[in-house]
Amino acid sequence: RRFFAPLIAAGGEFSWFLTFSPSRGRFHLNLRNHRKLVIADGTTALTGGMNVGREYWGGADALPYRDLGIRLHGPVVTQLAEVFAQDWYFSTGEALTAPECYPEATSTGVVAAQVVPGAPDNEVDEIQLTTLALIHRAKERIRLMTPYFVPEPPLLAALQLAAMRGVDVALLVPEKCDHFYLTHVMRSYYADLLPHGVRIYEYQPRMLHAKVLTVDGLYTSTGSANLDIRSLRINFELNVLVACRDLTKDVDRLFTGNAGEAREVTLDAYERRPFRHKMAEAIFRPAAPLL
């Protein structure tokens, strides 16, 4: 709270997002708000995988991340403002209903965009279903970047089927996660993908934290959600789906650039991995549903 004192002194406000608050009848320890969202003047929004923290801005003590954010204008910002308002109401009990919170948005282009919030208070897993729909729709290529690849069976099967029907599927993950055990959990899934033709790249220069999926050079889905059970079922997450060839071309170019700094994992090399890696995968893989 002391950290936010200067903000409060300047006239700002802040609130914790508490799902454990016995005085308010809340007893959930695991439900975390993992969304990343900045809205300026109700007309411009920034969202994606990037946190607001000094490790993103550089400095001697910074842990370098490779991440991705997307800047948005137009009516989609009103949808994002509604997501913020819902979280603020949950946290404070204050309803943000003032007209200035939702200025009339005018279309700034012809790009179609859709906000895809995910939360445990909804029985529909919107982000996972959207991801599955995009993968099943793919006819030519799929590009997927994620820092934590711990997929549920439907998502794993969708990637397998896409590769088996001839779609060019490429997955980019960090060579070393910021949680060592997740590195071994992720690698345990390589055996389910490499034999089916999915190409896997391990990004080496720094911790890859971007979460983005592109399909057929047209669709881009990005946001805060990792491809693990915690993100898709437990956390409060926020993704945006955009149908735009120009944007997707830029993201695919970013993927190619990152892949150029990565090591491709071949089936032969994976099968010849050290015994200690096989043991670590066998130990940590059963814990995947808890991670």
C-alpha atoms as a PDB file:
ATOM      1  CA  ARG A   1       0.000   0.000   0.000  1.00  0.00           C
ATOM      2  CA  ARG A   2       2.932   2.355   0.678  1.00  0.00           C
ATOM      3  CA  PHE A   3       3.966   1.896  -2.948  1.00  0.00           C
ATOM      4  CA  PHE A   4       0.690   3.481  -4.095  1.00  0.00           C
ATOM      5  CA  ALA A   5       0.798   6.374  -1.600  1.00  0.00           C
ATOM      6  CA  PRO A   6       2.191   8.894  -4.149  1.00  0.00           C
ATOM      7  CA  LEU A   7      -0.587   7.970  -6.576  1.00  0.00           C
ATOM      8  CA  ILE A   8      -3.236   8.529  -3.931  1.00  0.00           C
ATOM      9  CA  ALA A   9      -1.622  11.798  -2.851  1.00  0.00           C
ATOM     10  CA  ALA A  10      -1.819  13.009  -6.449  1.00  0.00           C
ATOM     11  CA  GLY A  11      -5.552  12.265  -6.559  1.00  0.00           C
ATOM     12  CA  GLY A  12      -5.462   8.788  -8.062  1.00  0.00           C
ATOM     13  CA  GLU A  13      -7.198   5.654  -6.860  1.00  0.00           C
ATOM     14  CA  PHE A  14      -6.190   2.025  -6.555  1.00  0.00           C
ATOM     15  CA  SER A  15      -7.701  -1.209  -5.326  1.00  0.00           C
ATOM     16  CA  TRP A  16      -6.583  -4.760  -4.695  1.00  0.00           C
ATOM     17  CA  PHE A  17      -8.385  -7.456  -6.659  1.00  0.00           C
ATOM     18  CA  LEU A  18      -9.272  -9.739  -3.759  1.00  0.00           C
ATOM     19  CA  THR A  19     -10.996 -13.093  -4.257  1.00  0.00           C
ATOM     20  CA  PHE A  20     -10.062 -14.007  -0.664  1.00  0.00           C
ATOM     21  CA  SER A  21     -11.904 -11.612   1.600  1.00  0.00           C
ATOM     22  CA  PRO A  22     -13.841 -13.325   4.421  1.00  0.00           C
ATOM     23  CA  SER A  23     -15.503 -10.055   5.430  1.00  0.00           C
ATOM     24  CA  ARG A  24     -17.118  -9.984   1.974  1.00  0.00           C
ATOM     25  CA  GLY A  25     -17.905 -13.699   1.908  1.00  0.00           C
ATOM     26  CA  ARG A  26     -15.040 -14.565  -0.460  1.00  0.00           C
ATOM     27  CA  PHE A  27     -12.889 -17.592   0.292  1.00  0.00           C
ATOM     28  CA  HIS A  28     -11.133 -18.348  -3.025  1.00  0.00           C
ATOM     29  CA  LEU A  29      -7.338 -18.447  -2.898  1.00  0.00           C
ATOM     30  CA  ASN A  30      -6.574 -19.298  -6.523  1.00  0.00           C
ATOM     31  CA  LEU A  31      -8.715 -16.857  -8.505  1.00  0.00           C
ATOM     32  CA  ARG A  32      -6.196 -14.305  -9.760  1.00  0.00           C
ATOM     33  CA  ASN A  33      -6.741 -11.303 -11.995  1.00  0.00           C
ATOM     34  CA  HIS A  34      -4.097 -11.820 -14.678  1.00  0.00           C
ATOM     35  CA  ARG A  35      -5.468  -9.244 -17.118  1.00  0.00           C
ATOM     36  CA  LYS A  36      -3.249  -6.487 -18.503  1.00  0.00           C
ATOM     37  CA  LEU A  37      -5.130  -3.404 -19.654  1.00  0.00           C
ATOM     38  CA  VAL A  38      -4.501   0.341 -19.943  1.00  0.00           C
ATOM     39  CA  ILE A  39      -7.207   2.690 -21.268  1.00  0.00           C
ATOM     40  CA  ALA A  40      -6.540   6.386 -21.987  1.00  0.00           C
ATOM     41  CA  ASP A  41      -9.387   8.876 -22.383  1.00  0.00           C
ATOM     42  CA  GLY A  42     -11.757   6.016 -23.197  1.00  0.00           C
ATOM     43  CA  THR A  43     -10.508   6.047 -26.781  1.00  0.00           C
ATOM     44  CA  THR A  44      -7.147   4.242 -26.792  1.00  0.00           C
ATOM     45  CA  ALA A  45      -6.329   0.922 -25.172  1.00  0.00           C
ATOM     46  CA  LEU A  46      -3.213  -1.160 -24.684  1.00  0.00           C
ATOM     47  CA  THR A  47      -3.524  -4.838 -23.859  1.00  0.00           C
ATOM     48  CA  GLY A  48      -1.644  -8.069 -24.438  1.00  0.00           C
ATOM     49  CA  GLY A  49       0.913  -9.957 -22.373  1.00  0.00           C
ATOM     50  CA  MET A  50       2.940  -7.011 -21.059  1.00  0.00           C
ATOM     51  CA  ASN A  51       2.851  -6.186 -17.376  1.00  0.00           C
ATOM     52  CA  VAL A  52       3.394  -2.709 -15.991  1.00  0.00           C
ATOM     53  CA  GLY A  53       6.674  -3.277 -14.185  1.00  0.00           C
ATOM     54  CA  ARG A  54      10.274  -2.135 -14.147  1.00  0.00           C
ATOM     55  CA  GLU A  55      11.443  -5.484 -15.511  1.00  0.00           C
ATOM     56  CA  TYR A  56       9.798  -4.371 -18.765  1.00  0.00           C
ATOM     57  CA  TRP A  57      11.375  -0.936 -18.859  1.00  0.00           C
ATOM     58  CA  GLY A  58      15.009  -2.017 -18.504  1.00  0.00           C
ATOM     59  CA  GLY A  59      17.624  -1.206 -15.912  1.00  0.00           C
ATOM     60  CA  ALA A  60      20.490  -2.999 -14.225  1.00  0.00           C
ATOM     61  CA  ASP A  61      18.214  -5.216 -12.132  1.00  0.00           C
ATOM     62  CA  ALA A  62      15.748  -5.973 -14.929  1.00  0.00           C
ATOM     63  CA  LEU A  63      14.893  -9.476 -16.023  1.00  0.00           C
ATOM     64  CA  PRO A  64      14.585  -9.154 -19.798  1.00  0.00           C
ATOM     65  CA  TYR A  65      11.333 -10.325 -21.342  1.00  0.00           C
ATOM     66  CA  ARG A  66      10.277 -10.748 -24.950  1.00  0.00           C
ATOM     67  CA  ASP A  67       6.638  -9.766 -25.000  1.00  0.00           C
ATOM     68  CA  LEU A  68       3.834  -8.378 -27.122  1.00  0.00           C
ATOM     69  CA  GLY A  69       1.208  -5.672 -26.669  1.00  0.00           C
ATOM     70  CA  ILE A  70      -1.458  -4.356 -29.013  1.00  0.00           C
ATOM     71  CA  ARG A  71      -2.785  -0.800 -29.231  1.00  0.00           C
ATOM     72  CA  LEU A  72      -6.434  -0.408 -30.145  1.00  0.00           C
ATOM     73  CA  HIS A  73      -8.757   2.433 -31.105  1.00  0.00           C
ATOM     74  CA  GLY A  74     -12.440   2.603 -31.933  1.00  0.00           C
ATOM     75  CA  PRO A  75     -15.542   0.854 -30.550  1.00  0.00           C
ATOM     76  CA  VAL A  76     -13.550  -2.121 -29.244  1.00  0.00           C
ATOM     77  CA  VAL A  77     -12.125   0.184 -26.557  1.00  0.00           C
ATOM     78  CA  THR A  78     -15.640   0.550 -25.115  1.00  0.00           C
ATOM     79  CA  GLN A  79     -15.795  -3.233 -24.722  1.00  0.00           C
ATOM     80  CA  LEU A  80     -12.457  -3.151 -22.919  1.00  0.00           C
ATOM     81  CA  ALA A  81     -13.672  -0.318 -20.678  1.00  0.00           C
ATOM     82  CA  GLU A  82     -16.623  -2.491 -19.691  1.00  0.00           C
ATOM     83  CA  VAL A  83     -14.233  -5.273 -18.673  1.00  0.00           C
ATOM     84  CA  PHE A  84     -12.294  -2.814 -16.489  1.00  0.00           C
ATOM     85  CA  ALA A  85     -15.543  -1.502 -14.998  1.00  0.00           C
ATOM     86  CA  GLN A  86     -16.627  -5.027 -14.057  1.00  0.00           C
ATOM     87  CA  ASP A  87     -13.290  -5.681 -12.332  1.00  0.00           C
ATOM     88  CA  TRP A  88     -13.399  -2.333 -10.554  1.00  0.00           C
ATOM     89  CA  TYR A  89     -16.930  -3.008  -9.306  1.00  0.00           C
ATOM     90  CA  PHE A  90     -15.870  -6.460  -8.067  1.00  0.00           C
ATOM     91  CA  SER A  91     -12.936  -4.893  -6.224  1.00  0.00           C
ATOM     92  CA  THR A  92     -14.486  -1.721  -4.814  1.00  0.00           C
ATOM     93  CA  GLY A  93     -18.259  -1.934  -5.123  1.00  0.00           C
ATOM     94  CA  GLU A  94     -18.151   1.307  -7.139  1.00  0.00           C
ATOM     95  CA  ALA A  95     -19.994   1.327 -10.453  1.00  0.00           C
ATOM     96  CA  LEU A  96     -18.216   3.325 -13.149  1.00  0.00           C
ATOM     97  CA  THR A  97     -21.268   4.734 -14.911  1.00  0.00           C
ATOM     98  CA  ALA A  98     -20.150   8.292 -15.716  1.00  0.00           C
ATOM     99  CA  PRO A  99     -20.482   9.127 -19.421  1.00  0.00           C
ATOM    100  CA  GLU A 100     -16.829  10.168 -19.608  1.00  0.00           C
ATOM    101  CA  CYS A 101     -15.861   6.561 -18.861  1.00  0.00           C
ATOM    102  CA  TYR A 102     -17.434   5.511 -22.152  1.00  0.00           C
ATOM    103  CA  PRO A 103     -17.089   8.315 -24.714  1.00  0.00           C
ATOM    104  CA  GLU A 104     -18.849   7.737 -27.986  1.00  0.00           C
ATOM    105  CA  ALA A 105     -16.423   5.701 -30.058  1.00  0.00           C
ATOM    106  CA  THR A 106     -16.186   6.195 -33.765  1.00  0.00           C
ATOM    107  CA  SER A 107     -14.866   3.598 -36.169  1.00  0.00           C
ATOM    108  CA  THR A 108     -11.269   4.337 -37.124  1.00  0.00           C
ATOM    109  CA  GLY A 109     -10.931   1.680 -39.807  1.00  0.00           C
ATOM    110  CA  VAL A 110     -12.337  -1.504 -41.254  1.00  0.00           C
ATOM    111  CA  VAL A 111     -10.604  -3.963 -38.916  1.00  0.00           C
ATOM    112  CA  ALA A 112     -12.924  -6.338 -37.088  1.00  0.00           C
ATOM    113  CA  ALA A 113     -12.006  -6.839 -33.421  1.00  0.00           C
ATOM    114  CA  GLN A 114     -13.643  -8.781 -30.609  1.00  0.00           C
ATOM    115  CA  VAL A 115     -12.857  -8.727 -26.898  1.00  0.00           C
ATOM    116  CA  VAL A 116     -12.659 -12.219 -25.409  1.00  0.00           C
ATOM    117  CA  PRO A 117     -12.653 -12.087 -21.597  1.00  0.00           C
ATOM    118  CA  GLY A 118     -12.140 -15.264 -19.634  1.00  0.00           C
ATOM    119  CA  ALA A 119     -13.166 -15.728 -16.011  1.00  0.00           C
ATOM    120  CA  PRO A 120     -14.079 -18.525 -13.599  1.00  0.00           C
ATOM    121  CA  ASP A 121     -17.472 -16.902 -12.958  1.00  0.00           C
ATOM    122  CA  ASN A 122     -18.611 -18.024 -16.418  1.00  0.00           C
ATOM    123  CA  GLU A 123     -19.300 -21.652 -17.285  1.00  0.00           C
ATOM    124  CA  VAL A 124     -18.191 -21.050 -20.886  1.00  0.00           C
ATOM    125  CA  ASP A 125     -14.407 -21.114 -21.389  1.00  0.00           C
ATOM    126  CA  GLU A 126     -14.452 -18.313 -23.949  1.00  0.00           C
ATOM    127  CA  ILE A 127     -10.704 -18.072 -24.536  1.00  0.00           C
ATOM    128  CA  GLN A 128     -10.154 -21.803 -24.902  1.00  0.00           C
ATOM    129  CA  LEU A 129     -13.178 -22.177 -27.199  1.00  0.00           C
ATOM    130  CA  THR A 130     -12.014 -19.254 -29.346  1.00  0.00           C
ATOM    131  CA  THR A 131      -8.541 -20.779 -29.590  1.00  0.00           C
ATOM    132  CA  LEU A 132      -9.985 -24.152 -30.561  1.00  0.00           C
ATOM    133  CA  ALA A 133     -12.267 -22.559 -33.159  1.00  0.00           C
ATOM    134  CA  LEU A 134      -9.343 -20.732 -34.785  1.00  0.00           C
ATOM    135  CA  ILE A 135      -7.143 -23.841 -34.881  1.00  0.00           C
ATOM    136  CA  HIS A 136      -9.918 -25.973 -36.362  1.00  0.00           C
ATOM    137  CA  ARG A 137     -10.595 -23.246 -38.944  1.00  0.00           C
ATOM    138  CA  ALA A 138      -6.961 -23.180 -40.110  1.00  0.00           C
ATOM    139  CA  LYS A 139      -6.277 -24.339 -43.657  1.00  0.00           C
ATOM    140  CA  GLU A 140      -2.728 -23.142 -44.326  1.00  0.00           C
ATOM    141  CA  ARG A 141      -0.682 -22.156 -41.262  1.00  0.00           C
ATOM    142  CA  ILE A 142      -0.753 -21.672 -37.511  1.00  0.00           C
ATOM    143  CA  ARG A 143       1.790 -19.640 -35.561  1.00  0.00           C
ATOM    144  CA  LEU A 144       1.647 -19.909 -31.791  1.00  0.00           C
ATOM    145  CA  MET A 145       3.821 -18.140 -29.193  1.00  0.00           C
ATOM    146  CA  THR A 146       3.290 -18.847 -25.506  1.00  0.00           C
ATOM    147  CA  PRO A 147       5.463 -18.795 -22.394  1.00  0.00           C
ATOM    148  CA  TYR A 148       3.648 -21.668 -20.684  1.00  0.00           C
ATOM    149  CA  PHE A 149       2.424 -24.490 -22.905  1.00  0.00           C
ATOM    150  CA  VAL A 150       0.497 -26.913 -20.679  1.00  0.00           C
ATOM    151  CA  PRO A 151      -2.525 -27.680 -22.890  1.00  0.00           C
ATOM    152  CA  GLU A 152      -5.667 -29.564 -22.025  1.00  0.00           C
ATOM    153  CA  PRO A 153      -6.493 -32.585 -24.229  1.00  0.00           C
ATOM    154  CA  PRO A 154      -8.884 -30.718 -26.612  1.00  0.00           C
ATOM    155  CA  LEU A 155      -6.233 -28.119 -27.465  1.00  0.00           C
ATOM    156  CA  LEU A 156      -3.520 -30.734 -27.860  1.00  0.00           C
ATOM    157  CA  ALA A 157      -5.761 -32.767 -30.164  1.00  0.00           C
ATOM    158  CA  ALA A 158      -6.641 -29.679 -32.226  1.00  0.00           C
ATOM    159  CA  LEU A 159      -2.958 -28.973 -32.910  1.00  0.00           C
ATOM    160  CA  GLN A 160      -2.326 -32.625 -33.772  1.00  0.00           C
ATOM    161  CA  LEU A 161      -5.273 -32.726 -36.172  1.00  0.00           C
ATOM    162  CA  ALA A 162      -4.258 -29.448 -37.828  1.00  0.00           C
ATOM    163  CA  ALA A 163      -0.757 -30.762 -38.544  1.00  0.00           C
ATOM    164  CA  MET A 164      -2.098 -34.123 -39.721  1.00  0.00           C
ATOM    165  CA  ARG A 165      -4.395 -32.474 -42.272  1.00  0.00           C
ATOM    166  CA  GLY A 166      -1.455 -30.558 -43.750  1.00  0.00           C
ATOM    167  CA  VAL A 167      -1.553 -27.240 -41.914  1.00  0.00           C
ATOM    168  CA  ASP A 168       1.870 -25.722 -41.253  1.00  0.00           C
ATOM    169  CA  VAL A 169       1.891 -25.588 -37.445  1.00  0.00           C
ATOM    170  CA  ALA A 170       4.766 -23.896 -35.593  1.00  0.00           C
ATOM    171  CA  LEU A 171       5.047 -23.430 -31.832  1.00  0.00           C
ATOM    172  CA  LEU A 172       7.466 -21.011 -30.135  1.00  0.00           C
ATOM    173  CA  VAL A 173       8.170 -21.367 -26.398  1.00  0.00           C
ATOM    174  CA  PRO A 174      10.994 -20.213 -24.121  1.00  0.00           C
ATOM    175  CA  GLU A 175      14.024 -22.453 -23.820  1.00  0.00           C
ATOM    176  CA  LYS A 176      13.972 -21.838 -20.068  1.00  0.00           C
ATOM    177  CA  CYS A 177      10.870 -20.717 -18.188  1.00  0.00           C
ATOM    178  CA  ASP A 178      11.067 -18.421 -15.193  1.00  0.00           C
ATOM    179  CA  HIS A 179       9.721 -21.426 -13.249  1.00  0.00           C
ATOM    180  CA  PHE A 180      12.149 -24.314 -13.839  1.00  0.00           C
ATOM    181  CA  TYR A 181       9.578 -27.078 -13.386  1.00  0.00           C
ATOM    182  CA  LEU A 182       7.390 -25.623 -16.150  1.00  0.00           C
ATOM    183  CA  THR A 183      10.250 -26.067 -18.612  1.00  0.00           C
ATOM    184  CA  HIS A 184      10.105 -29.823 -18.045  1.00  0.00           C
ATOM    185  CA  VAL A 185       6.310 -29.958 -18.063  1.00  0.00           C
ATOM    186  CA  MET A 186       6.209 -28.172 -21.430  1.00  0.00           C
ATOM    187  CA  ARG A 187       8.860 -30.429 -22.933  1.00  0.00           C
ATOM    188  CA  SER A 188       6.881 -33.485 -21.906  1.00  0.00           C
ATOM    189  CA  TYR A 189       4.242 -32.434 -24.469  1.00  0.00           C
ATOM    190  CA  TYR A 190       6.745 -32.447 -27.333  1.00  0.00           C
ATOM    191  CA  ALA A 191       6.220 -36.203 -27.650  1.00  0.00           C
ATOM    192  CA  ASP A 192       2.557 -35.495 -28.444  1.00  0.00           C
ATOM    193  CA  LEU A 193       3.336 -32.946 -31.172  1.00  0.00           C
ATOM    194  CA  LEU A 194       6.602 -33.673 -32.982  1.00  0.00           C
ATOM    195  CA  PRO A 195       5.550 -37.072 -34.422  1.00  0.00           C
ATOM    196  CA  HIS A 196       2.493 -35.392 -35.983  1.00  0.00           C
ATOM    197  CA  GLY A 197       4.523 -32.733 -37.805  1.00  0.00           C
ATOM    198  CA  VAL A 198       4.247 -29.772 -35.441  1.00  0.00           C
ATOM    199  CA  ARG A 199       7.441 -27.705 -35.528  1.00  0.00           C
ATOM    200  CA  ILE A 200       8.696 -26.522 -32.136  1.00  0.00           C
ATOM    201  CA  TYR A 201      11.163 -23.707 -31.467  1.00  0.00           C
ATOM    202  CA  GLU A 202      12.739 -22.839 -28.114  1.00  0.00           C
ATOM    203  CA  TYR A 203      13.489 -19.121 -27.843  1.00  0.00           C
ATOM    204  CA  GLN A 204      16.923 -18.577 -26.303  1.00  0.00           C
ATOM    205  CA  PRO A 205      17.899 -14.899 -25.779  1.00  0.00           C
ATOM    206  CA  ARG A 206      15.465 -14.152 -22.929  1.00  0.00           C
ATOM    207  CA  MET A 207      12.212 -15.199 -21.319  1.00  0.00           C
ATOM    208  CA  LEU A 208       9.519 -15.317 -23.996  1.00  0.00           C
ATOM    209  CA  HIS A 209       6.340 -13.935 -22.419  1.00  0.00           C
ATOM    210  CA  ALA A 210       4.245 -13.151 -25.515  1.00  0.00           C
ATOM    211  CA  LYS A 211       0.905 -14.933 -25.881  1.00  0.00           C
ATOM    212  CA  VAL A 212      -0.289 -14.795 -29.477  1.00  0.00           C
ATOM    213  CA  LEU A 213      -1.884 -17.057 -32.077  1.00  0.00           C
ATOM    214  CA  THR A 214      -2.183 -16.331 -35.792  1.00  0.00           C
ATOM    215  CA  VAL A 215      -4.104 -18.373 -38.332  1.00  0.00           C
ATOM    216  CA  ASP A 216      -3.889 -18.312 -42.137  1.00  0.00           C
ATOM    217  CA  GLY A 217      -2.377 -14.840 -42.253  1.00  0.00           C
ATOM    218  CA  LEU A 218      -5.742 -13.314 -41.292  1.00  0.00           C
ATOM    219  CA  TYR A 219      -6.628 -13.905 -37.634  1.00  0.00           C
ATOM    220  CA  THR A 220      -4.613 -12.753 -34.637  1.00  0.00           C
ATOM    221  CA  SER A 221      -5.549 -13.606 -31.051  1.00  0.00           C
ATOM    222  CA  THR A 222      -3.440 -12.085 -28.291  1.00  0.00           C
ATOM    223  CA  GLY A 223      -3.786 -11.126 -24.676  1.00  0.00           C
ATOM    224  CA  SER A 224      -2.965 -12.239 -21.169  1.00  0.00           C
ATOM    225  CA  ALA A 225      -3.984 -15.901 -21.299  1.00  0.00           C
ATOM    226  CA  ASN A 226      -1.368 -18.630 -21.229  1.00  0.00           C
ATOM    227  CA  LEU A 227      -2.194 -22.034 -22.670  1.00  0.00           C
ATOM    228  CA  ASP A 228      -2.510 -23.770 -19.336  1.00  0.00           C
ATOM    229  CA  ILE A 229      -5.352 -24.824 -17.080  1.00  0.00           C
ATOM    230  CA  ARG A 230      -4.783 -21.988 -14.616  1.00  0.00           C
ATOM    231  CA  SER A 231      -5.228 -19.325 -17.294  1.00  0.00           C
ATOM    232  CA  LEU A 232      -8.053 -20.991 -19.162  1.00  0.00           C
ATOM    233  CA  ARG A 233     -10.155 -22.074 -16.168  1.00  0.00           C
ATOM    234  CA  ILE A 234      -9.065 -20.310 -12.972  1.00  0.00           C
ATOM    235  CA  ASN A 235      -7.661 -16.854 -13.703  1.00  0.00           C
ATOM    236  CA  PHE A 236      -9.449 -13.728 -14.870  1.00  0.00           C
ATOM    237  CA  GLU A 237      -7.910 -13.229 -18.326  1.00  0.00           C
ATOM    238  CA  LEU A 238      -8.366 -10.938 -21.305  1.00  0.00           C
ATOM    239  CA  ASN A 239      -7.707 -11.613 -24.984  1.00  0.00           C
ATOM    240  CA  VAL A 240      -8.553  -9.738 -28.153  1.00  0.00           C
ATOM    241  CA  LEU A 241      -9.300 -11.391 -31.500  1.00  0.00           C
ATOM    242  CA  VAL A 242      -8.568  -9.301 -34.596  1.00  0.00           C
ATOM    243  CA  ALA A 243      -9.256 -10.136 -38.243  1.00  0.00           C
ATOM    244  CA  CYS A 244      -6.701  -8.103 -40.178  1.00  0.00           C
ATOM    245  CA  ARG A 245      -4.161  -9.247 -42.766  1.00  0.00           C
ATOM    246  CA  ASP A 246      -1.808  -6.315 -42.161  1.00  0.00           C
ATOM    247  CA  LEU A 247      -1.655  -6.891 -38.415  1.00  0.00           C
ATOM    248  CA  THR A 248      -1.302 -10.657 -38.798  1.00  0.00           C
ATOM    249  CA  LYS A 249       1.474 -10.153 -41.337  1.00  0.00           C
ATOM    250  CA  ASP A 250       3.354  -8.049 -38.774  1.00  0.00           C
ATOM    251  CA  VAL A 251       2.844 -10.649 -36.050  1.00  0.00           C
ATOM    252  CA  ASP A 252       3.959 -13.467 -38.354  1.00  0.00           C
ATOM    253  CA  ARG A 253       7.062 -11.421 -39.161  1.00  0.00           C
ATOM    254  CA  LEU A 254       7.709 -11.086 -35.425  1.00  0.00           C
ATOM    255  CA  PHE A 255       7.316 -14.855 -35.055  1.00  0.00           C
ATOM    256  CA  THR A 256       9.811 -15.464 -37.856  1.00  0.00           C
ATOM    257  CA  GLY A 257      12.292 -13.059 -36.273  1.00  0.00           C
ATOM    258  CA  ASN A 258      11.951 -14.737 -32.889  1.00  0.00           C
ATOM    259  CA  ALA A 259      12.275 -18.186 -34.467  1.00  0.00           C
ATOM    260  CA  GLY A 260      15.529 -17.003 -36.012  1.00  0.00           C
ATOM    261  CA  GLU A 261      16.860 -16.574 -32.464  1.00  0.00           C
ATOM    262  CA  ALA A 262      15.520 -19.935 -31.355  1.00  0.00           C
ATOM    263  CA  ARG A 263      16.616 -23.553 -31.518  1.00  0.00           C
ATOM    264  CA  GLU A 264      14.336 -25.876 -33.462  1.00  0.00           C
ATOM    265  CA  VAL A 265      13.602 -29.096 -31.603  1.00  0.00           C
ATOM    266  CA  THR A 266      13.635 -32.115 -33.896  1.00  0.00           C
ATOM    267  CA  LEU A 267      12.069 -35.454 -33.080  1.00  0.00           C
ATOM    268  CA  ASP A 268      15.450 -37.154 -33.283  1.00  0.00           C
ATOM    269  CA  ALA A 269      17.086 -34.678 -30.899  1.00  0.00           C
ATOM    270  CA  TYR A 270      14.143 -34.891 -28.505  1.00  0.00           C
ATOM    271  CA  GLU A 271      14.317 -38.664 -28.363  1.00  0.00           C
ATOM    272  CA  ARG A 272      18.054 -38.425 -27.602  1.00  0.00           C
ATOM    273  CA  ARG A 273      17.618 -35.908 -24.769  1.00  0.00           C
ATOM    274  CA  PRO A 274      19.523 -36.628 -21.536  1.00  0.00           C
ATOM    275  CA  PHE A 275      18.084 -39.176 -19.131  1.00  0.00           C
ATOM    276  CA  ARG A 276      17.844 -36.515 -16.394  1.00  0.00           C
ATOM    277  CA  HIS A 277      15.478 -34.532 -18.613  1.00  0.00           C
ATOM    278  CA  LYS A 278      13.297 -37.581 -19.165  1.00  0.00           C
ATOM    279  CA  MET A 279      13.157 -38.142 -15.414  1.00  0.00           C
ATOM    280  CA  ALA A 280      12.240 -34.502 -14.737  1.00  0.00           C
ATOM    281  CA  GLU A 281       9.455 -34.670 -17.324  1.00  0.00           C
ATOM    282  CA  ALA A 282       8.101 -37.874 -15.778  1.00  0.00           C
ATOM    283  CA  ILE A 283       8.150 -36.305 -12.314  1.00  0.00           C
ATOM    284  CA  PHE A 284       6.553 -32.966 -13.162  1.00  0.00           C
ATOM    285  CA  ARG A 285       4.064 -33.951 -15.920  1.00  0.00           C
ATOM    286  CA  PRO A 286       1.473 -35.412 -13.491  1.00  0.00           C
ATOM    287  CA  ALA A 287       1.345 -32.001 -11.776  1.00  0.00           C
ATOM    288  CA  ALA A 288       0.288 -30.259 -15.001  1.00  0.00           C
ATOM    289  CA  PRO A 289      -3.378 -29.805 -13.936  1.00  0.00           C
ATOM    290  CA  LEU A 290      -2.195 -27.923 -10.830  1.00  0.00           C
ATOM    291  CA  LEU A 291       0.159 -25.518 -12.591  1.00  0.00           C
END
